[in-house]
Amino acid sequence: MKTTIAQRALTILAVTTAAWGTPAFAQQEATGAGASFPAPLYAKWAADYHRATGVKINYQSVGSSAGLKQIEAKTVDFGASDEPLKDADLQAKGLVQFPTVIGGIVPVVNIKGIQPGQLKLNGQVLGDIYLGKITLWNDPVIAALNPGLALPAEKISPVRRADGSGTTFGFTNYLSKVNPEWKEKVGEGKAVNWPTGAGGKGNEGVAAFVGRLANSIGYVEYAYVKQNKLTYAQLQNQDGTFVQPSEESFKAAAAGANWSQSFYQILTNQPGQAAWPITSATFILMHKAQDKPAQAQTTLKFFEWAYKQGDQTASGLDYVPMPDNVKNVIYQSWNAIETQAK
């Protein structure tokens, strides 16, 4: 029986409390909303947690911008975003943030005759496509990166996010680092003034759009590439190497992150021969001061279980689990969150 990412991401799930030895939590629930980037994993974690224990965790894949708005408004117990907040912003908003996993943002195309991993692109070309400067697939600049590959004389149809998106932040942050004109004219953000392209809502929407639109190009988190059997491109990294998206290349990009200093880590365009150039962590946001401390405790118990029991599931979906030493730093950060009634 097939289950789509959207269905799985929007249905989340129950979890018993027997493993925690606290029967009072059997009726507890926690709700979250935000990034579509990790939604396939959060859905699977929640389903497994439900089978293993019994508390209900409900998560809505609505995009990072909406997730931040909802946690600020306290309409959910946790928000999720792929764009980390700076420490000063967290302090001002009374929030704690912590990373859950690392993944990759991947260019995907729908070009007849082109197989996954055949097309090679770099950041300059990718930015110029989304600037509307490169409009044909057989443009000499693309052809020069792909000698021997039969590229059609067809118009490129760019697809991008229609909603405020942490995936868009990662994508545009990367383009701003590698394409000077992009940085000057468009810049980075969860939402930008796109020079061109049709919009899809969520990673789900972009994946569906590219899947049905001939000669299109888009960008999605890697789990959506695999789930939807999309054709992905290789990217040239900072070291000049063309790399394939994989857990290994995402891990290589994150190798230099200093999580003990701050959870504000941007992983795009990192050095390393094996590094995937558009890599991103994804984050959970919670209030320090809690109106509903029981739900906060339920949320933290879920993520503690995920860190301890969910690494294999994360790897199976080609996310990179956080290293054990980073998990210990995360657990320490939770001391700032109220989990007991006053």
Protein backbone atom coordinates (compact mmCIF):
# COMPACT_ATOMS: atom_id res chain seq x y z
CA MET A 1 0.00 0.00 0.00
CA LYS A 2 1.54 3.30 -1.09
CA THR A 3 1.70 6.26 1.27
CA THR A 4 2.80 9.62 -0.07
CA ILE A 5 5.16 11.92 1.77
CA ALA A 6 2.39 14.46 2.15
CA GLN A 7 0.07 11.88 3.70
CA ARG A 8 2.75 10.63 6.03
CA ALA A 9 3.92 14.11 6.97
CA LEU A 10 0.44 15.31 7.84
CA THR A 11 -0.50 12.35 9.98
CA ILE A 12 1.43 12.08 13.18
CA LEU A 13 1.00 9.82 15.49
CA ALA A 14 0.85 8.13 18.82
CA VAL A 15 3.36 7.03 21.33
CA THR A 16 3.04 4.99 24.46
CA THR A 17 4.44 6.06 27.73
CA ALA A 18 5.21 2.62 29.04
CA ALA A 19 8.83 2.99 28.02
CA TRP A 20 9.06 6.05 30.24
CA GLY A 21 7.35 4.38 33.17
CA THR A 22 4.90 7.27 33.55
CA PRO A 23 1.33 6.09 32.88
CA ALA A 24 0.01 9.61 33.44
CA PHE A 25 1.48 10.58 30.08
CA ALA A 26 -0.60 7.98 28.25
CA GLN A 27 -3.20 10.65 27.48
CA GLN A 28 -0.70 13.42 26.71
CA GLU A 29 -0.29 14.93 23.28
CA ALA A 30 2.09 17.40 21.70
CA THR A 31 1.68 19.34 18.49
CA GLY A 32 4.24 20.80 16.11
CA ALA A 33 4.36 22.53 12.74
CA GLY A 34 6.91 23.81 10.28
CA ALA A 35 9.50 22.63 7.82
CA SER A 36 8.63 20.14 5.10
CA PHE A 37 12.37 19.30 4.78
CA PRO A 38 12.29 16.79 7.72
CA ALA A 39 8.59 15.85 7.47
CA PRO A 40 9.15 12.34 6.02
CA LEU A 41 11.45 11.53 8.93
CA TYR A 42 9.27 13.07 11.62
CA ALA A 43 6.32 11.07 10.30
CA LYS A 44 8.27 7.81 10.45
CA TRP A 45 9.73 8.58 13.86
CA ALA A 46 6.26 9.36 15.20
CA ALA A 47 4.79 6.18 13.71
CA ASP A 48 7.55 4.07 15.24
CA TYR A 49 7.21 5.90 18.55
CA HIS A 50 3.48 5.19 18.50
CA ARG A 51 4.07 1.49 18.07
CA ALA A 52 6.75 1.47 20.75
CA THR A 53 4.95 3.48 23.44
CA GLY A 54 1.72 5.54 23.19
CA VAL A 55 1.76 9.41 23.37
CA LYS A 56 0.39 11.34 20.42
CA ILE A 57 2.66 13.69 18.44
CA ASN A 58 0.90 15.71 15.75
CA TYR A 59 3.06 17.50 13.16
CA GLN A 60 1.96 19.61 10.21
CA SER A 61 4.28 20.16 7.23
CA VAL A 62 3.49 23.83 6.56
CA GLY A 63 6.91 25.36 5.82
CA SER A 64 9.53 26.94 8.06
CA SER A 65 8.05 30.45 8.01
CA ALA A 66 4.66 29.21 9.18
CA GLY A 67 6.32 27.00 11.77
CA LEU A 68 8.14 29.98 13.28
CA LYS A 69 4.94 32.03 13.34
CA GLN A 70 3.02 29.23 15.04
CA ILE A 71 5.58 28.63 17.78
CA GLU A 72 5.85 32.38 18.41
CA ALA A 73 2.05 32.53 18.72
CA LYS A 74 2.11 29.46 21.01
CA THR A 75 -0.44 27.63 18.87
CA VAL A 76 1.88 24.60 18.79
CA ASP A 77 4.23 23.00 21.31
CA PHE A 78 7.18 23.01 18.94
CA GLY A 79 8.06 24.67 15.67
CA ALA A 80 10.41 23.37 12.99
CA SER A 81 12.67 25.35 10.68
CA ASP A 82 15.61 24.70 8.38
CA GLU A 83 16.85 28.25 8.86
CA PRO A 84 18.41 28.52 12.31
CA LEU A 85 17.74 31.60 14.39
CA LYS A 86 20.72 33.58 15.61
CA ASP A 87 21.36 33.50 19.34
CA ALA A 88 20.22 37.12 19.79
CA ASP A 89 16.91 36.37 18.05
CA LEU A 90 16.35 33.31 20.23
CA GLN A 91 16.98 35.39 23.33
CA ALA A 92 14.58 38.10 22.20
CA LYS A 93 11.83 35.60 21.41
CA GLY A 94 12.39 33.45 24.51
CA LEU A 95 13.07 30.37 22.41
CA VAL A 96 15.43 27.41 22.51
CA GLN A 97 16.50 25.73 19.25
CA PHE A 98 18.23 22.43 18.65
CA PRO A 99 19.12 20.45 15.51
CA THR A 100 17.56 17.07 14.80
CA VAL A 101 19.25 15.82 11.61
CA ILE A 102 21.24 16.99 8.60
CA GLY A 103 20.09 16.60 5.00
CA GLY A 104 20.71 17.81 1.49
CA ILE A 105 18.86 20.18 -0.83
CA VAL A 106 19.08 18.75 -4.33
CA PRO A 107 18.41 20.16 -7.83
CA VAL A 108 15.95 17.93 -9.68
CA VAL A 109 15.06 17.98 -13.37
CA ASN A 110 12.56 16.46 -15.76
CA ILE A 111 14.40 16.13 -19.09
CA LYS A 112 13.55 13.32 -21.47
CA GLY A 113 16.43 10.87 -21.78
CA ILE A 114 18.43 12.25 -18.83
CA GLN A 115 18.98 9.75 -16.01
CA PRO A 116 19.55 10.48 -12.29
CA GLY A 117 23.03 11.85 -11.68
CA GLN A 118 23.89 12.38 -15.36
CA LEU A 119 23.41 16.14 -15.56
CA LYS A 120 26.19 18.26 -14.06
CA LEU A 121 25.57 21.78 -12.79
CA ASN A 122 27.45 24.35 -10.74
CA GLY A 123 26.28 27.23 -8.59
CA GLN A 124 26.90 29.89 -11.22
CA VAL A 125 24.75 28.06 -13.78
CA LEU A 126 22.05 27.19 -11.24
CA GLY A 127 21.78 30.83 -10.21
CA ASP A 128 21.70 32.02 -13.81
CA ILE A 129 18.84 29.61 -14.57
CA TYR A 130 16.79 31.04 -11.70
CA LEU A 131 17.76 34.58 -12.73
CA GLY A 132 16.26 33.84 -16.15
CA LYS A 133 19.61 34.36 -17.90
CA ILE A 134 19.98 30.74 -19.06
CA THR A 135 16.73 29.68 -20.70
CA LEU A 136 17.53 26.61 -22.84
CA TRP A 137 18.80 23.21 -21.75
CA ASN A 138 21.33 23.10 -24.59
CA ASP A 139 22.81 26.49 -23.64
CA PRO A 140 26.58 26.40 -24.34
CA VAL A 141 27.37 26.97 -20.66
CA ILE A 142 25.40 23.88 -19.60
CA ALA A 143 26.75 21.90 -22.56
CA ALA A 144 30.33 22.74 -21.53
CA LEU A 145 29.73 21.08 -18.15
CA ASN A 146 28.18 18.03 -19.84
CA PRO A 147 30.27 16.94 -22.85
CA GLY A 148 28.69 14.00 -24.62
CA LEU A 149 25.29 14.43 -22.94
CA ALA A 150 22.42 14.98 -25.38
CA LEU A 151 20.73 18.13 -24.12
CA PRO A 152 17.49 19.21 -25.82
CA ALA A 153 16.89 22.62 -27.38
CA GLU A 154 13.97 23.06 -24.99
CA LYS A 155 13.05 25.98 -22.77
CA ILE A 156 13.88 25.50 -19.09
CA SER A 157 10.91 25.76 -16.72
CA PRO A 158 12.17 26.68 -13.23
CA VAL A 159 10.09 25.61 -10.23
CA ARG A 160 10.56 27.11 -6.76
CA ARG A 161 8.71 27.34 -3.48
CA ALA A 162 5.55 29.41 -3.22
CA ASP A 163 5.60 29.46 0.59
CA GLY A 164 8.14 30.70 3.13
CA SER A 165 10.63 27.88 3.30
CA GLY A 166 13.79 26.86 5.10
CA THR A 167 14.65 24.79 2.04
CA THR A 168 14.51 28.03 0.05
CA PHE A 169 16.74 29.68 2.64
CA GLY A 170 19.36 26.95 2.16
CA PHE A 171 19.08 27.11 -1.62
CA THR A 172 19.27 30.91 -1.86
CA ASN A 173 21.99 31.11 0.80
CA TYR A 174 24.07 28.79 -1.39
CA LEU A 175 23.35 30.77 -4.57
CA SER A 176 24.31 33.99 -2.78
CA LYS A 177 27.70 32.48 -1.97
CA VAL A 178 28.49 31.24 -5.48
CA ASN A 179 26.68 33.62 -7.87
CA PRO A 180 27.51 37.33 -7.31
CA GLU A 181 24.63 38.59 -9.43
CA TRP A 182 22.18 36.44 -7.48
CA LYS A 183 23.52 37.88 -4.22
CA GLU A 184 23.15 41.44 -5.51
CA LYS A 185 19.72 41.13 -7.14
CA VAL A 186 17.89 38.50 -5.08
CA GLY A 187 19.83 37.47 -1.99
CA GLU A 188 18.86 34.86 0.58
CA GLY A 189 15.82 34.15 2.72
CA LYS A 190 12.92 31.84 3.42
CA ALA A 191 11.00 33.92 0.86
CA VAL A 192 12.61 36.01 -1.90
CA ASN A 193 11.45 37.98 -4.94
CA TRP A 194 11.99 35.29 -7.54
CA PRO A 195 12.97 36.61 -10.99
CA THR A 196 11.36 33.61 -12.65
CA GLY A 197 9.67 30.30 -12.02
CA ALA A 198 6.41 28.67 -11.00
CA GLY A 199 5.72 28.10 -7.30
CA GLY A 200 4.90 24.86 -5.50
CA LYS A 201 3.83 24.64 -1.85
CA GLY A 202 6.18 22.62 0.32
CA ASN A 203 8.84 20.18 -0.80
CA GLU A 204 5.85 18.02 -1.68
CA GLY A 205 4.49 20.59 -4.12
CA VAL A 206 7.80 21.27 -5.84
CA ALA A 207 8.46 17.54 -6.22
CA ALA A 208 5.02 16.99 -7.75
CA PHE A 209 5.42 19.99 -10.07
CA VAL A 210 8.79 18.83 -11.42
CA GLY A 211 7.53 15.28 -11.76
CA ARG A 212 4.78 16.31 -14.16
CA LEU A 213 6.30 19.32 -15.97
CA ALA A 214 8.60 18.48 -18.88
CA ASN A 215 11.94 20.32 -19.03
CA SER A 216 11.55 21.69 -15.52
CA ILE A 217 14.08 22.15 -12.75
CA GLY A 218 13.43 22.48 -9.02
CA TYR A 219 15.04 21.94 -5.63
CA VAL A 220 13.89 19.59 -2.87
CA GLU A 221 15.24 17.75 0.15
CA TYR A 222 16.80 14.43 -0.86
CA ALA A 223 14.15 12.22 0.77
CA TYR A 224 11.62 13.72 -1.66
CA VAL A 225 13.94 12.90 -4.58
CA LYS A 226 13.91 9.24 -3.63
CA GLN A 227 10.25 9.07 -2.61
CA ASN A 228 9.14 10.57 -5.94
CA LYS A 229 11.84 8.89 -8.07
CA LEU A 230 12.99 12.24 -9.45
CA THR A 231 16.04 12.82 -11.63
CA TYR A 232 18.70 14.66 -9.65
CA ALA A 233 21.75 16.57 -10.85
CA GLN A 234 25.34 16.41 -9.69
CA LEU A 235 26.73 19.64 -8.28
CA GLN A 236 30.24 21.04 -8.34
CA ASN A 237 31.39 21.81 -4.81
CA GLN A 238 33.79 24.40 -3.41
CA ASP A 239 36.76 22.10 -4.09
CA GLY A 240 35.76 21.86 -7.76
CA THR A 241 34.57 18.25 -7.53
CA PHE A 242 31.26 17.10 -9.00
CA VAL A 243 29.46 15.16 -6.27
CA GLN A 244 26.30 13.10 -5.97
CA PRO A 245 23.79 13.69 -3.17
CA SER A 246 24.09 11.05 -0.45
CA GLU A 247 24.26 10.65 3.29
CA GLU A 248 28.06 10.50 2.93
CA SER A 249 28.31 13.79 1.00
CA PHE A 250 25.95 15.51 3.47
CA LYS A 251 28.05 14.21 6.36
CA ALA A 252 31.21 15.50 4.69
CA ALA A 253 29.70 18.97 4.41
CA ALA A 254 28.84 18.99 8.12
CA ALA A 255 32.26 17.79 9.28
CA GLY A 256 33.50 21.26 10.20
CA ALA A 257 30.45 22.41 12.17
CA ASN A 258 31.16 23.50 15.76
CA TRP A 259 27.91 22.58 17.49
CA SER A 260 29.36 22.98 20.98
CA GLN A 261 29.84 26.71 20.36
CA SER A 262 26.39 27.43 18.90
CA PHE A 263 23.53 25.65 17.18
CA TYR A 264 23.54 28.45 14.58
CA GLN A 265 25.39 26.54 11.86
CA ILE A 266 25.07 27.17 8.11
CA LEU A 267 26.37 24.20 6.11
CA THR A 268 26.19 25.44 2.51
CA ASN A 269 29.24 25.62 0.22
CA GLN A 270 31.54 23.96 2.75
CA PRO A 271 35.08 22.85 1.84
CA GLY A 272 35.90 19.20 1.29
CA GLN A 273 36.30 17.06 -1.81
CA ALA A 274 33.29 14.91 -0.91
CA ALA A 275 31.05 17.69 0.48
CA TRP A 276 27.57 18.25 -0.96
CA PRO A 277 27.33 22.03 -1.50
CA ILE A 278 23.69 22.57 -0.42
CA THR A 279 23.62 20.81 2.93
CA SER A 280 21.46 21.93 5.84
CA ALA A 281 20.58 20.98 9.38
CA THR A 282 16.96 21.21 10.45
CA PHE A 283 15.89 22.56 13.82
CA ILE A 284 13.22 22.39 16.52
CA LEU A 285 12.08 25.57 18.29
CA MET A 286 10.48 25.61 21.75
CA HIS A 287 9.69 28.26 24.35
CA LYS A 288 11.80 28.42 27.48
CA ALA A 289 8.83 29.53 29.59
CA GLN A 290 6.01 27.04 29.11
CA ASP A 291 2.28 27.59 29.54
CA LYS A 292 1.89 23.82 29.12
CA PRO A 293 4.96 22.19 30.68
CA ALA A 294 3.47 18.70 30.37
CA GLN A 295 3.37 19.04 26.58
CA ALA A 296 6.94 20.32 26.62
CA GLN A 297 8.01 17.23 28.53
CA THR A 298 6.09 15.04 26.08
CA THR A 299 7.86 16.76 23.17
CA LEU A 300 11.31 16.37 24.68
CA LYS A 301 10.71 12.72 25.53
CA PHE A 302 9.77 12.12 21.90
CA PHE A 303 12.93 13.72 20.58
CA GLU A 304 15.04 11.97 23.22
CA TRP A 305 13.60 8.69 21.96
CA ALA A 306 14.29 9.76 18.36
CA TYR A 307 17.93 10.57 19.13
CA LYS A 308 18.40 7.23 20.92
CA GLN A 309 16.29 4.94 18.74
CA GLY A 310 15.80 6.74 15.43
CA ASP A 311 19.25 7.01 13.84
CA GLN A 312 18.77 3.96 11.62
CA THR A 313 15.45 5.34 10.40
CA ALA A 314 17.09 8.69 9.64
CA SER A 315 19.90 7.02 7.69
CA GLY A 316 17.37 4.93 5.78
CA LEU A 317 15.83 8.16 4.48
CA ASP A 318 19.31 9.60 3.74
CA TYR A 319 19.37 12.10 6.56
CA VAL A 320 22.51 12.32 8.70
CA PRO A 321 21.92 11.69 12.42
CA MET A 322 23.52 14.07 14.87
CA PRO A 323 26.75 12.72 16.41
CA ASP A 324 26.50 11.45 19.99
CA ASN A 325 28.64 14.29 21.36
CA VAL A 326 26.26 16.81 19.77
CA LYS A 327 23.25 15.00 21.22
CA ASN A 328 24.78 15.46 24.67
CA VAL A 329 25.03 19.21 24.04
CA ILE A 330 21.39 19.18 22.91
CA TYR A 331 20.26 17.40 26.09
CA GLN A 332 22.03 20.07 28.15
CA SER A 333 20.25 22.83 26.22
CA TRP A 334 16.90 21.38 27.28
CA ASN A 335 17.56 22.45 30.87
CA ALA A 336 16.38 25.92 29.80
CA ILE A 337 12.88 24.59 28.96
CA GLU A 338 10.24 24.38 31.69
CA THR A 339 8.85 20.86 31.96
CA GLN A 340 7.27 21.04 35.41
CA ALA A 341 4.18 22.96 36.48
CA LYS A 342 4.91 25.95 38.71
